[in-house]
C-alpha atoms as a PDB file:
ATOM      1  CA  UNK A   1     -18.871  21.857  16.842  1.00  0.00           C
ATOM      2  CA  UNK A   2     -19.407  20.434  13.332  1.00  0.00           C
ATOM      3  CA  UNK A   3     -16.433  20.383  10.982  1.00  0.00           C
ATOM      4  CA  UNK A   4     -16.126  23.123   8.449  1.00  0.00           C
ATOM      5  CA  UNK A   5     -15.511  21.319   5.147  1.00  0.00           C
ATOM      6  CA  UNK A   6     -14.016  23.741   2.684  1.00  0.00           C
ATOM      7  CA  UNK A   7     -15.755  24.477  -0.693  1.00  0.00           C
ATOM      8  CA  UNK A   8     -14.710  25.859  -4.023  1.00  0.00           C
ATOM      9  CA  UNK A   9     -15.586  29.335  -2.665  1.00  0.00           C
ATOM     10  CA  UNK A  10     -12.936  28.865   0.061  1.00  0.00           C
ATOM     11  CA  UNK A  11     -10.316  27.922  -2.595  1.00  0.00           C
ATOM     12  CA  UNK A  12     -11.170  31.009  -4.614  1.00  0.00           C
ATOM     13  CA  UNK A  13     -10.843  33.169  -1.475  1.00  0.00           C
ATOM     14  CA  UNK A  14      -7.508  31.508  -0.783  1.00  0.00           C
ATOM     15  CA  UNK A  15      -6.123  32.580  -4.127  1.00  0.00           C
ATOM     16  CA  UNK A  16      -6.628  36.179  -3.147  1.00  0.00           C
ATOM     17  CA  UNK A  17      -4.612  35.585   0.126  1.00  0.00           C
ATOM     18  CA  UNK A  18      -1.830  33.617  -1.599  1.00  0.00           C
ATOM     19  CA  UNK A  19      -1.191  35.466  -4.812  1.00  0.00           C
ATOM     20  CA  UNK A  20       0.781  38.386  -3.242  1.00  0.00           C
ATOM     21  CA  UNK A  21       3.332  35.917  -1.906  1.00  0.00           C
ATOM     22  CA  UNK A  22       3.946  33.340  -4.665  1.00  0.00           C
ATOM     23  CA  UNK A  23       3.447  32.996  -8.422  1.00  0.00           C
ATOM     24  CA  UNK A  24       1.744  29.986 -10.030  1.00  0.00           C
ATOM     25  CA  UNK A  25       3.821  26.814 -10.478  1.00  0.00           C
ATOM     26  CA  UNK A  26       4.259  25.959 -14.169  1.00  0.00           C
ATOM     27  CA  UNK A  27       2.019  23.493 -16.050  1.00  0.00           C
ATOM     28  CA  UNK A  28       4.372  21.879 -18.546  1.00  0.00           C
ATOM     29  CA  UNK A  29       3.354  19.693 -21.509  1.00  0.00           C
ATOM     30  CA  UNK A  30       5.172  16.326 -21.488  1.00  0.00           C
ATOM     31  CA  UNK A  31       5.667  15.086 -25.045  1.00  0.00           C
ATOM     32  CA  UNK A  32       7.687  12.124 -23.811  1.00  0.00           C
ATOM     33  CA  UNK A  33       4.831  10.985 -21.528  1.00  0.00           C
ATOM     34  CA  UNK A  34       2.316  11.263 -24.400  1.00  0.00           C
ATOM     35  CA  UNK A  35       4.601   8.979 -26.397  1.00  0.00           C
ATOM     36  CA  UNK A  36       5.244   6.585 -23.543  1.00  0.00           C
ATOM     37  CA  UNK A  37       1.597   5.870 -22.906  1.00  0.00           C
ATOM     38  CA  UNK A  38       0.567   5.941 -26.568  1.00  0.00           C
ATOM     39  CA  UNK A  39      -1.851   8.859 -26.161  1.00  0.00           C
ATOM     40  CA  UNK A  40      -3.931   9.495 -29.340  1.00  0.00           C
ATOM     41  CA  UNK A  41      -3.283  12.550 -31.385  1.00  0.00           C
ATOM     42  CA  UNK A  42      -5.202  15.563 -30.015  1.00  0.00           C
ATOM     43  CA  UNK A  43      -4.827  14.680 -26.371  1.00  0.00           C
ATOM     44  CA  UNK A  44      -2.018  15.953 -24.110  1.00  0.00           C
ATOM     45  CA  UNK A  45      -0.229  15.158 -20.834  1.00  0.00           C
ATOM     46  CA  UNK A  46       0.681  17.977 -18.547  1.00  0.00           C
ATOM     47  CA  UNK A  47       2.946  18.086 -15.449  1.00  0.00           C
ATOM     48  CA  UNK A  48       2.073  20.555 -12.693  1.00  0.00           C
ATOM     49  CA  UNK A  49       5.595  21.059 -11.262  1.00  0.00           C
ATOM     50  CA  UNK A  50       5.528  22.366  -7.720  1.00  0.00           C
ATOM     51  CA  UNK A  51       9.266  21.979  -7.521  1.00  0.00           C
ATOM     52  CA  UNK A  52       9.503  25.509  -8.888  1.00  0.00           C
ATOM     53  CA  UNK A  53       7.962  27.079  -5.763  1.00  0.00           C
ATOM     54  CA  UNK A  54      10.266  28.862  -3.243  1.00  0.00           C
ATOM     55  CA  UNK A  55      10.103  25.808  -0.958  1.00  0.00           C
ATOM     56  CA  UNK A  56      10.317  23.188  -3.697  1.00  0.00           C
ATOM     57  CA  UNK A  57       6.831  21.700  -3.100  1.00  0.00           C
ATOM     58  CA  UNK A  58       3.124  22.537  -3.046  1.00  0.00           C
ATOM     59  CA  UNK A  59       3.097  22.852   0.716  1.00  0.00           C
ATOM     60  CA  UNK A  60       3.551  26.589   0.970  1.00  0.00           C
ATOM     61  CA  UNK A  61       0.089  27.155  -0.628  1.00  0.00           C
ATOM     62  CA  UNK A  62      -1.828  25.745   2.327  1.00  0.00           C
ATOM     63  CA  UNK A  63       0.655  27.180   4.801  1.00  0.00           C
ATOM     64  CA  UNK A  64       0.312  30.725   3.432  1.00  0.00           C
ATOM     65  CA  UNK A  65      -3.505  30.529   3.489  1.00  0.00           C
ATOM     66  CA  UNK A  66      -3.485  29.131   7.037  1.00  0.00           C
ATOM     67  CA  UNK A  67      -1.318  31.927   8.365  1.00  0.00           C
ATOM     68  CA  UNK A  68      -3.301  34.561   6.456  1.00  0.00           C
ATOM     69  CA  UNK A  69      -6.493  33.372   7.969  1.00  0.00           C
ATOM     70  CA  UNK A  70      -5.163  33.001  11.513  1.00  0.00           C
ATOM     71  CA  UNK A  71      -3.316  36.264  11.941  1.00  0.00           C
ATOM     72  CA  UNK A  72      -5.607  37.546  14.759  1.00  0.00           C
ATOM     73  CA  UNK A  73      -5.409  34.282  16.639  1.00  0.00           C
ATOM     74  CA  UNK A  74      -1.608  34.100  16.273  1.00  0.00           C
ATOM     75  CA  UNK A  75      -0.916  37.700  17.189  1.00  0.00           C
ATOM     76  CA  UNK A  76       2.557  37.691  18.744  1.00  0.00           C
ATOM     77  CA  UNK A  77       2.451  33.962  19.535  1.00  0.00           C
ATOM     78  CA  UNK A  78       4.580  31.299  17.915  1.00  0.00           C
ATOM     79  CA  UNK A  79       3.383  28.883  15.287  1.00  0.00           C
ATOM     80  CA  UNK A  80       4.153  25.205  15.809  1.00  0.00           C
ATOM     81  CA  UNK A  81       3.591  22.256  13.439  1.00  0.00           C
ATOM     82  CA  UNK A  82       4.872  18.765  12.795  1.00  0.00           C
ATOM     83  CA  UNK A  83       5.957  17.751   9.304  1.00  0.00           C
ATOM     84  CA  UNK A  84       7.925  15.169   7.435  1.00  0.00           C
ATOM     85  CA  UNK A  85       9.695  18.160   5.876  1.00  0.00           C
ATOM     86  CA  UNK A  86       7.810  19.895   3.066  1.00  0.00           C
ATOM     87  CA  UNK A  87       5.136  21.523   5.251  1.00  0.00           C
ATOM     88  CA  UNK A  88       8.013  22.486   7.572  1.00  0.00           C
ATOM     89  CA  UNK A  89       9.544  24.645   4.909  1.00  0.00           C
ATOM     90  CA  UNK A  90       6.135  25.833   3.789  1.00  0.00           C
ATOM     91  CA  UNK A  91       5.048  27.067   7.142  1.00  0.00           C
ATOM     92  CA  UNK A  92       8.529  28.498   7.699  1.00  0.00           C
ATOM     93  CA  UNK A  93       8.213  30.479   4.503  1.00  0.00           C
ATOM     94  CA  UNK A  94       4.741  31.666   5.492  1.00  0.00           C
ATOM     95  CA  UNK A  95       6.084  32.686   8.919  1.00  0.00           C
ATOM     96  CA  UNK A  96       8.823  34.716   7.233  1.00  0.00           C
ATOM     97  CA  UNK A  97       6.308  36.416   4.925  1.00  0.00           C
ATOM     98  CA  UNK A  98       4.026  37.401   7.888  1.00  0.00           C
ATOM     99  CA  UNK A  99       6.848  37.985  10.373  1.00  0.00           C
ATOM    100  CA  UNK A 100       5.856  35.143  12.724  1.00  0.00           C
ATOM    101  CA  UNK A 101       8.096  32.835  14.773  1.00  0.00           C
ATOM    102  CA  UNK A 102       7.799  29.209  13.715  1.00  0.00           C
ATOM    103  CA  UNK A 103       8.920  25.964  15.447  1.00  0.00           C
ATOM    104  CA  UNK A 104       8.540  22.676  13.502  1.00  0.00           C
ATOM    105  CA  UNK A 105       8.796  19.077  14.643  1.00  0.00           C
ATOM    106  CA  UNK A 106      10.536  16.905  12.055  1.00  0.00           C
ATOM    107  CA  UNK A 107      11.824  13.277  11.888  1.00  0.00           C
ATOM    108  CA  UNK A 108      15.494  13.198  12.606  1.00  0.00           C
ATOM    109  CA  UNK A 109      15.877  11.173   9.388  1.00  0.00           C
ATOM    110  CA  UNK A 110      14.250  13.788   7.116  1.00  0.00           C
ATOM    111  CA  UNK A 111      16.263  14.713   4.029  1.00  0.00           C
ATOM    112  CA  UNK A 112      18.957  17.309   4.700  1.00  0.00           C
ATOM    113  CA  UNK A 113      17.585  19.489   1.905  1.00  0.00           C
ATOM    114  CA  UNK A 114      14.319  19.795   3.834  1.00  0.00           C
ATOM    115  CA  UNK A 115      16.122  20.740   7.088  1.00  0.00           C
ATOM    116  CA  UNK A 116      18.146  23.321   5.253  1.00  0.00           C
ATOM    117  CA  UNK A 117      15.183  24.888   3.437  1.00  0.00           C
ATOM    118  CA  UNK A 118      13.162  25.125   6.648  1.00  0.00           C
ATOM    119  CA  UNK A 119      15.983  26.770   8.474  1.00  0.00           C
ATOM    120  CA  UNK A 120      16.661  29.148   5.585  1.00  0.00           C
ATOM    121  CA  UNK A 121      13.279  30.831   6.168  1.00  0.00           C
ATOM    122  CA  UNK A 122      13.913  31.224   9.868  1.00  0.00           C
ATOM    123  CA  UNK A 123      12.125  28.382  11.619  1.00  0.00           C
ATOM    124  CA  UNK A 124      13.467  26.488  14.604  1.00  0.00           C
ATOM    125  CA  UNK A 125      13.491  22.671  14.327  1.00  0.00           C
ATOM    126  CA  UNK A 126      12.913  20.018  16.984  1.00  0.00           C
ATOM    127  CA  UNK A 127      13.355  16.333  16.002  1.00  0.00           C
ATOM    128  CA  UNK A 128      11.927  12.965  16.906  1.00  0.00           C
ATOM    129  CA  UNK A 129      12.526   9.260  16.114  1.00  0.00           C
ATOM    130  CA  UNK A 130      10.052   8.367  13.386  1.00  0.00           C
ATOM    131  CA  UNK A 131      10.863   4.709  13.526  1.00  0.00           C
ATOM    132  CA  UNK A 132       9.434   4.361  17.016  1.00  0.00           C
ATOM    133  CA  UNK A 133       6.660   6.935  16.672  1.00  0.00           C
ATOM    134  CA  UNK A 134       3.947   4.314  16.164  1.00  0.00           C
ATOM    135  CA  UNK A 135       4.794   3.085  19.656  1.00  0.00           C
ATOM    136  CA  UNK A 136       5.679   6.304  21.437  1.00  0.00           C
ATOM    137  CA  UNK A 137       3.485   8.902  19.730  1.00  0.00           C
ATOM    138  CA  UNK A 138       6.403  11.244  20.164  1.00  0.00           C
ATOM    139  CA  UNK A 139       5.635  13.425  17.214  1.00  0.00           C
ATOM    140  CA  UNK A 140       2.239  14.506  18.434  1.00  0.00           C
ATOM    141  CA  UNK A 141       3.291  14.642  22.090  1.00  0.00           C
ATOM    142  CA  UNK A 142       6.255  16.899  21.347  1.00  0.00           C
ATOM    143  CA  UNK A 143       4.130  19.181  19.173  1.00  0.00           C
ATOM    144  CA  UNK A 144       1.460  19.466  21.922  1.00  0.00           C
ATOM    145  CA  UNK A 145       4.112  20.172  24.555  1.00  0.00           C
ATOM    146  CA  UNK A 146       5.605  23.022  22.494  1.00  0.00           C
ATOM    147  CA  UNK A 147       2.086  24.445  21.949  1.00  0.00           C
ATOM    148  CA  UNK A 148       1.265  24.260  25.648  1.00  0.00           C
ATOM    149  CA  UNK A 149       4.684  25.276  27.045  1.00  0.00           C
ATOM    150  CA  UNK A 150       5.193  28.228  24.650  1.00  0.00           C
ATOM    151  CA  UNK A 151       1.600  29.220  24.137  1.00  0.00           C
ATOM    152  CA  UNK A 152       1.983  28.464  20.522  1.00  0.00           C
ATOM    153  CA  UNK A 153      -0.776  28.059  17.912  1.00  0.00           C
ATOM    154  CA  UNK A 154      -0.640  24.658  16.178  1.00  0.00           C
ATOM    155  CA  UNK A 155      -1.004  24.305  12.410  1.00  0.00           C
ATOM    156  CA  UNK A 156      -1.958  20.984  10.873  1.00  0.00           C
ATOM    157  CA  UNK A 157      -0.002  20.050   7.677  1.00  0.00           C
ATOM    158  CA  UNK A 158      -3.176  18.724   6.006  1.00  0.00           C
ATOM    159  CA  UNK A 159      -6.227  18.382   8.286  1.00  0.00           C
ATOM    160  CA  UNK A 160      -7.395  21.953   8.242  1.00  0.00           C
ATOM    161  CA  UNK A 161      -9.885  23.829   5.991  1.00  0.00           C
ATOM    162  CA  UNK A 162      -7.546  26.725   5.361  1.00  0.00           C
ATOM    163  CA  UNK A 163      -4.677  24.363   4.425  1.00  0.00           C
ATOM    164  CA  UNK A 164      -6.936  22.376   2.106  1.00  0.00           C
ATOM    165  CA  UNK A 165      -8.332  25.513   0.463  1.00  0.00           C
ATOM    166  CA  UNK A 166      -4.853  26.955   0.043  1.00  0.00           C
ATOM    167  CA  UNK A 167      -3.618  23.825  -1.620  1.00  0.00           C
ATOM    168  CA  UNK A 168      -6.609  23.943  -3.894  1.00  0.00           C
ATOM    169  CA  UNK A 169      -5.242  27.168  -5.447  1.00  0.00           C
ATOM    170  CA  UNK A 170      -2.949  24.948  -7.468  1.00  0.00           C
ATOM    171  CA  UNK A 171      -6.009  23.259  -8.838  1.00  0.00           C
ATOM    172  CA  UNK A 172      -7.402  26.606  -9.852  1.00  0.00           C
ATOM    173  CA  UNK A 173      -4.193  27.353 -11.651  1.00  0.00           C
ATOM    174  CA  UNK A 174      -4.408  24.086 -13.566  1.00  0.00           C
ATOM    175  CA  UNK A 175      -8.073  24.548 -14.472  1.00  0.00           C
ATOM    176  CA  UNK A 176      -7.584  28.180 -15.540  1.00  0.00           C
ATOM    177  CA  UNK A 177      -4.617  27.437 -17.804  1.00  0.00           C
ATOM    178  CA  UNK A 178      -6.359  24.487 -19.513  1.00  0.00           C
ATOM    179  CA  UNK A 179      -9.599  26.542 -19.995  1.00  0.00           C
ATOM    180  CA  UNK A 180      -7.700  29.524 -21.431  1.00  0.00           C
ATOM    181  CA  UNK A 181      -6.092  27.166 -23.942  1.00  0.00           C
ATOM    182  CA  UNK A 182      -9.434  25.632 -24.802  1.00  0.00           C
ATOM    183  CA  UNK A 183      -8.443  22.209 -23.403  1.00  0.00           C
ATOM    184  CA  UNK A 184     -10.531  19.627 -21.688  1.00  0.00           C
ATOM    185  CA  UNK A 185      -9.512  17.240 -18.897  1.00  0.00           C
ATOM    186  CA  UNK A 186     -10.174  13.492 -18.740  1.00  0.00           C
ATOM    187  CA  UNK A 187      -7.815  12.354 -15.912  1.00  0.00           C
ATOM    188  CA  UNK A 188      -6.095  13.989 -13.000  1.00  0.00           C
ATOM    189  CA  UNK A 189      -3.459  12.068 -11.081  1.00  0.00           C
ATOM    190  CA  UNK A 190      -2.522  13.381  -7.658  1.00  0.00           C
ATOM    191  CA  UNK A 191      -0.689  12.132  -4.514  1.00  0.00           C
ATOM    192  CA  UNK A 192      -2.724  11.310  -1.450  1.00  0.00           C
ATOM    193  CA  UNK A 193      -1.554  10.830   2.116  1.00  0.00           C
ATOM    194  CA  UNK A 194      -3.260  12.932   4.752  1.00  0.00           C
ATOM    195  CA  UNK A 195      -5.190  14.280   1.832  1.00  0.00           C
ATOM    196  CA  UNK A 196      -4.173  17.951   1.812  1.00  0.00           C
ATOM    197  CA  UNK A 197      -3.088  18.282  -1.798  1.00  0.00           C
ATOM    198  CA  UNK A 198      -5.690  15.916  -3.278  1.00  0.00           C
ATOM    199  CA  UNK A 199      -8.652  17.326  -1.376  1.00  0.00           C
ATOM    200  CA  UNK A 200      -7.828  20.976  -2.313  1.00  0.00           C
ATOM    201  CA  UNK A 201      -7.168  20.099  -5.943  1.00  0.00           C
ATOM    202  CA  UNK A 202     -10.281  17.926  -6.140  1.00  0.00           C
ATOM    203  CA  UNK A 203     -12.445  20.924  -5.189  1.00  0.00           C
ATOM    204  CA  UNK A 204     -10.954  23.014  -8.016  1.00  0.00           C
ATOM    205  CA  UNK A 205     -10.790  20.273 -10.657  1.00  0.00           C
ATOM    206  CA  UNK A 206     -14.295  18.920 -10.046  1.00  0.00           C
ATOM    207  CA  UNK A 207     -15.733  22.457 -10.290  1.00  0.00           C
ATOM    208  CA  UNK A 208     -14.045  23.144 -13.653  1.00  0.00           C
ATOM    209  CA  UNK A 209     -14.157  19.656 -15.134  1.00  0.00           C
ATOM    210  CA  UNK A 210     -16.944  17.703 -13.461  1.00  0.00           C
ATOM    211  CA  UNK A 211     -16.518  14.726 -15.857  1.00  0.00           C
ATOM    212  CA  UNK A 212     -12.810  14.283 -15.156  1.00  0.00           C
ATOM    213  CA  UNK A 213     -11.601  11.200 -13.306  1.00  0.00           C
ATOM    214  CA  UNK A 214      -9.641  12.019 -10.247  1.00  0.00           C
ATOM    215  CA  UNK A 215      -7.046   9.317  -9.496  1.00  0.00           C
ATOM    216  CA  UNK A 216      -5.356   9.245  -6.085  1.00  0.00           C
ATOM    217  CA  UNK A 217      -1.877   7.818  -5.912  1.00  0.00           C
ATOM    218  CA  UNK A 218      -0.109   6.413  -2.828  1.00  0.00           C
ATOM    219  CA  UNK A 219       2.612   3.936  -1.858  1.00  0.00           C
ATOM    220  CA  UNK A 220       1.604   0.293  -1.413  1.00  0.00           C
ATOM    221  CA  UNK A 221       3.078   0.398   2.106  1.00  0.00           C
ATOM    222  CA  UNK A 222       1.126   3.492   3.046  1.00  0.00           C
ATOM    223  CA  UNK A 223      -2.245   2.929   1.280  1.00  0.00           C
ATOM    224  CA  UNK A 224      -4.540   4.169   4.008  1.00  0.00           C
ATOM    225  CA  UNK A 225      -6.732   6.061   1.509  1.00  0.00           C
ATOM    226  CA  UNK A 226      -7.155   3.000  -0.753  1.00  0.00           C
ATOM    227  CA  UNK A 227      -8.198   0.956   2.323  1.00  0.00           C
ATOM    228  CA  UNK A 228     -10.538   3.780   3.337  1.00  0.00           C
ATOM    229  CA  UNK A 229     -12.216   3.845  -0.045  1.00  0.00           C
ATOM    230  CA  UNK A 230     -12.811   0.092   0.190  1.00  0.00           C
ATOM    231  CA  UNK A 231     -14.180   0.332   3.743  1.00  0.00           C
ATOM    232  CA  UNK A 232     -16.249   3.453   3.127  1.00  0.00           C
ATOM    233  CA  UNK A 233     -14.692   5.174   6.183  1.00  0.00           C
ATOM    234  CA  UNK A 234     -11.294   6.435   7.402  1.00  0.00           C
ATOM    235  CA  UNK A 235      -8.823   3.617   8.046  1.00  0.00           C
ATOM    236  CA  UNK A 236      -5.662   4.097  10.082  1.00  0.00           C
ATOM    237  CA  UNK A 237      -2.356   2.418   9.286  1.00  0.00           C
ATOM    238  CA  UNK A 238      -0.188   1.864  12.333  1.00  0.00           C
ATOM    239  CA  UNK A 239       3.173   1.590  10.545  1.00  0.00           C
ATOM    240  CA  UNK A 240       3.212   3.271   7.135  1.00  0.00           C
ATOM    241  CA  UNK A 241       6.330   2.404   5.185  1.00  0.00           C
ATOM    242  CA  UNK A 242       7.725   3.818   1.979  1.00  0.00           C
ATOM    243  CA  UNK A 243      10.614   5.845   0.533  1.00  0.00           C
ATOM    244  CA  UNK A 244       7.917   8.427  -0.142  1.00  0.00           C
ATOM    245  CA  UNK A 245       8.492  10.176   3.198  1.00  0.00           C
ATOM    246  CA  UNK A 246       5.912  12.832   2.422  1.00  0.00           C
ATOM    247  CA  UNK A 247       3.195  10.188   1.991  1.00  0.00           C
ATOM    248  CA  UNK A 248       3.604   8.162   5.162  1.00  0.00           C
ATOM    249  CA  UNK A 249       0.692   9.541   7.139  1.00  0.00           C
ATOM    250  CA  UNK A 250      -1.247   7.302   9.525  1.00  0.00           C
ATOM    251  CA  UNK A 251      -4.634   8.258   8.059  1.00  0.00           C
ATOM    252  CA  UNK A 252      -6.605  10.697   5.949  1.00  0.00           C
ATOM    253  CA  UNK A 253      -7.653  13.891   7.742  1.00  0.00           C
ATOM    254  CA  UNK A 254     -11.166  14.390   9.031  1.00  0.00           C
ATOM    255  CA  UNK A 255     -11.663  17.491   6.982  1.00  0.00           C
ATOM    256  CA  UNK A 256     -10.144  15.858   3.933  1.00  0.00           C
ATOM    257  CA  UNK A 257     -12.132  12.623   3.904  1.00  0.00           C
ATOM    258  CA  UNK A 258     -15.588  14.014   2.975  1.00  0.00           C
ATOM    259  CA  UNK A 259     -14.034  15.777  -0.097  1.00  0.00           C
ATOM    260  CA  UNK A 260     -11.983  12.775  -1.162  1.00  0.00           C
ATOM    261  CA  UNK A 261     -14.842  10.242  -0.748  1.00  0.00           C
ATOM    262  CA  UNK A 262     -17.122  12.506  -2.821  1.00  0.00           C
ATOM    263  CA  UNK A 263     -14.733  13.265  -5.749  1.00  0.00           C
ATOM    264  CA  UNK A 264     -12.141  10.508  -5.898  1.00  0.00           C
ATOM    265  CA  UNK A 265     -13.227   7.151  -7.168  1.00  0.00           C
ATOM    266  CA  UNK A 266      -9.908   5.277  -7.553  1.00  0.00           C
ATOM    267  CA  UNK A 267      -6.624   4.982  -5.716  1.00  0.00           C
ATOM    268  CA  UNK A 268      -3.550   3.441  -7.303  1.00  0.00           C
ATOM    269  CA  UNK A 269      -1.043   1.964  -4.759  1.00  0.00           C
ATOM    270  CA  UNK A 270       2.434   1.459  -6.082  1.00  0.00           C
ATOM    271  CA  UNK A 271       5.569  -0.333  -4.814  1.00  0.00           C
ATOM    272  CA  UNK A 272       8.605   1.808  -4.201  1.00  0.00           C
ATOM    273  CA  UNK A 273      10.311   0.179  -7.172  1.00  0.00           C
ATOM    274  CA  UNK A 274       7.761   1.809  -9.512  1.00  0.00           C
ATOM    275  CA  UNK A 275       8.402   5.145  -7.865  1.00  0.00           C
ATOM    276  CA  UNK A 276      12.155   4.793  -8.324  1.00  0.00           C
ATOM    277  CA  UNK A 277      11.617   3.965 -11.954  1.00  0.00           C
ATOM    278  CA  UNK A 278       9.518   7.100 -12.353  1.00  0.00           C
ATOM    279  CA  UNK A 279      12.192   9.209 -10.707  1.00  0.00           C
ATOM    280  CA  UNK A 280      14.731   7.845 -13.186  1.00  0.00           C
ATOM    281  CA  UNK A 281      12.317   8.406 -16.049  1.00  0.00           C
ATOM    282  CA  UNK A 282      11.639  12.064 -15.169  1.00  0.00           C
ATOM    283  CA  UNK A 283      15.387  12.644 -14.785  1.00  0.00           C
ATOM    284  CA  UNK A 284      16.223  11.091 -18.130  1.00  0.00           C
ATOM    285  CA  UNK A 285      13.364  12.543 -20.145  1.00  0.00           C
ATOM    286  CA  UNK A 286      12.863  15.967 -18.469  1.00  0.00           C
ATOM    287  CA  UNK A 287      16.044  16.512 -16.452  1.00  0.00           C
ATOM    288  CA  UNK A 288      14.010  16.759 -13.250  1.00  0.00           C
ATOM    289  CA  UNK A 289      15.504  15.490  -9.995  1.00  0.00           C
ATOM    290  CA  UNK A 290      12.415  14.642  -7.933  1.00  0.00           C
ATOM    291  CA  UNK A 291      11.747  13.343  -4.459  1.00  0.00           C
ATOM    292  CA  UNK A 292       9.859  10.003  -4.307  1.00  0.00           C
ATOM    293  CA  UNK A 293       6.619  11.586  -3.122  1.00  0.00           C
ATOM    294  CA  UNK A 294       6.789  13.934  -6.151  1.00  0.00           C
ATOM    295  CA  UNK A 295       7.366  11.248  -8.711  1.00  0.00           C
ATOM    296  CA  UNK A 296       4.795   8.688  -7.673  1.00  0.00           C
ATOM    297  CA  UNK A 297       1.945  10.304  -9.658  1.00  0.00           C
ATOM    298  CA  UNK A 298       4.080   9.862 -12.816  1.00  0.00           C
ATOM    299  CA  UNK A 299       4.650   6.308 -11.778  1.00  0.00           C
ATOM    300  CA  UNK A 300       0.906   5.744 -11.651  1.00  0.00           C
ATOM    301  CA  UNK A 301       0.437   7.025 -15.197  1.00  0.00           C
ATOM    302  CA  UNK A 302       3.314   4.825 -16.453  1.00  0.00           C
ATOM    303  CA  UNK A 303       1.970   1.727 -14.580  1.00  0.00           C
ATOM    304  CA  UNK A 304      -0.909   1.074 -16.954  1.00  0.00           C
ATOM    305  CA  UNK A 305      -3.274   0.506 -13.977  1.00  0.00           C
ATOM    306  CA  UNK A 306      -5.712   3.213 -15.023  1.00  0.00           C
ATOM    307  CA  UNK A 307      -7.986   3.129 -18.047  1.00  0.00           C
ATOM    308  CA  UNK A 308      -7.047   6.251 -19.963  1.00  0.00           C
ATOM    309  CA  UNK A 309      -9.870   6.037 -22.470  1.00  0.00           C
ATOM    310  CA  UNK A 310     -11.862   9.287 -22.908  1.00  0.00           C
ATOM    311  CA  UNK A 311     -11.635  12.746 -24.330  1.00  0.00           C
ATOM    312  CA  UNK A 312      -9.496  15.514 -22.929  1.00  0.00           C
ATOM    313  CA  UNK A 313      -6.027  15.904 -21.510  1.00  0.00           C
ATOM    314  CA  UNK A 314      -4.259  14.238 -18.569  1.00  0.00           C
ATOM    315  CA  UNK A 315      -2.640  16.200 -15.715  1.00  0.00           C
ATOM    316  CA  UNK A 316      -0.245  14.728 -13.174  1.00  0.00           C
ATOM    317  CA  UNK A 317       1.098  16.528 -10.122  1.00  0.00           C
ATOM    318  CA  UNK A 318       4.794  16.656  -9.359  1.00  0.00           C
ATOM    319  CA  UNK A 319       4.233  17.625  -5.698  1.00  0.00           C
ATOM    320  CA  UNK A 320       7.857  18.231  -4.711  1.00  0.00           C
ATOM    321  CA  UNK A 321      11.501  17.988  -5.637  1.00  0.00           C
ATOM    322  CA  UNK A 322      13.239  18.107  -2.236  1.00  0.00           C
ATOM    323  CA  UNK A 323      15.555  15.106  -2.295  1.00  0.00           C
ATOM    324  CA  UNK A 324      19.192  14.685  -1.155  1.00  0.00           C
ATOM    325  CA  UNK A 325      21.592  14.112  -4.014  1.00  0.00           C
ATOM    326  CA  UNK A 326      23.067  10.907  -2.557  1.00  0.00           C
ATOM    327  CA  UNK A 327      19.722   9.323  -1.904  1.00  0.00           C
ATOM    328  CA  UNK A 328      18.436  10.321  -5.357  1.00  0.00           C
ATOM    329  CA  UNK A 329      21.435   8.664  -7.127  1.00  0.00           C
ATOM    330  CA  UNK A 330      20.955   5.531  -5.040  1.00  0.00           C
ATOM    331  CA  UNK A 331      17.249   5.216  -5.801  1.00  0.00           C
ATOM    332  CA  UNK A 332      17.614   5.605  -9.582  1.00  0.00           C
ATOM    333  CA  UNK A 333      20.555   3.277  -9.902  1.00  0.00           C
ATOM    334  CA  UNK A 334      20.311  -0.184 -11.454  1.00  0.00           C
ATOM    335  CA  UNK A 335      16.802   0.248 -12.731  1.00  0.00           C
ATOM    336  CA  UNK A 336      15.328  -0.301 -16.157  1.00  0.00           C
ATOM    337  CA  UNK A 337      12.715   1.916 -17.730  1.00  0.00           C
ATOM    338  CA  UNK A 338       9.164   1.477 -16.485  1.00  0.00           C
END
């Protein structure tokens, strides 16, 4: 059966499904970022801050749309998914909203805040050793065993048309707010890993602002999308490595790749030091305590790797803020400004 690659129409339909359950995340102007990058008068930088959602990240958008569109298939069955942590809380929240039982498979080293959020919405958690997963395949095996043993329906954290379309609702929010204010868009910076957030947002941003440049951002140790762009096909990384736990996927999803390859022309891969500097910068200039995966798009803007010439505003995504206090303090210590 051919893949169903979602379109902007799927994103618009997803907004109808999602809106009863969650309000739009704020789009906040960053005067400090405008100053830091020397942006000319008349152009603006905006931060789309998904840390304000009930689960502290963008992941509930795709999760809500997936559950809403699979209610007949789920019925009284359990939902099962694997996640580094943010989709875990997103699908848990969606399960709570639709009164469905959820089991998630998470790395045993995931931040405590992600475990706590996921449990707070009622999901059950099973854990695995992520350090050996490239050898054992334990994550996928355990998820399949739960699905088979409990007759559960498996949800993908990113490689699914309903998840992609749901995530794209955030892009509709960005486009709508800019258009209502009479603003244009020249650059959009967004995290990429499996491609769930970037693919969904790309559909919405490209439809509203076809001339905008879409810049993917990923860790240097997990740059499977950058390698895929260079090769012209999906490339798998056997051992992704970064403090950006939410961006350590092995490869871009099958449903995501056609959208990304069509709309995204550049990927910026950054060392973890740059991400740590951006975490510190956001804390010092905006009072935001962000997880590494959330801050890396800001790091890309501050890195001077992207030509910012053009007309229109710049939007960066802050994809999540779920970080343990101790880890956050360690990561931002002994660093200068980027």
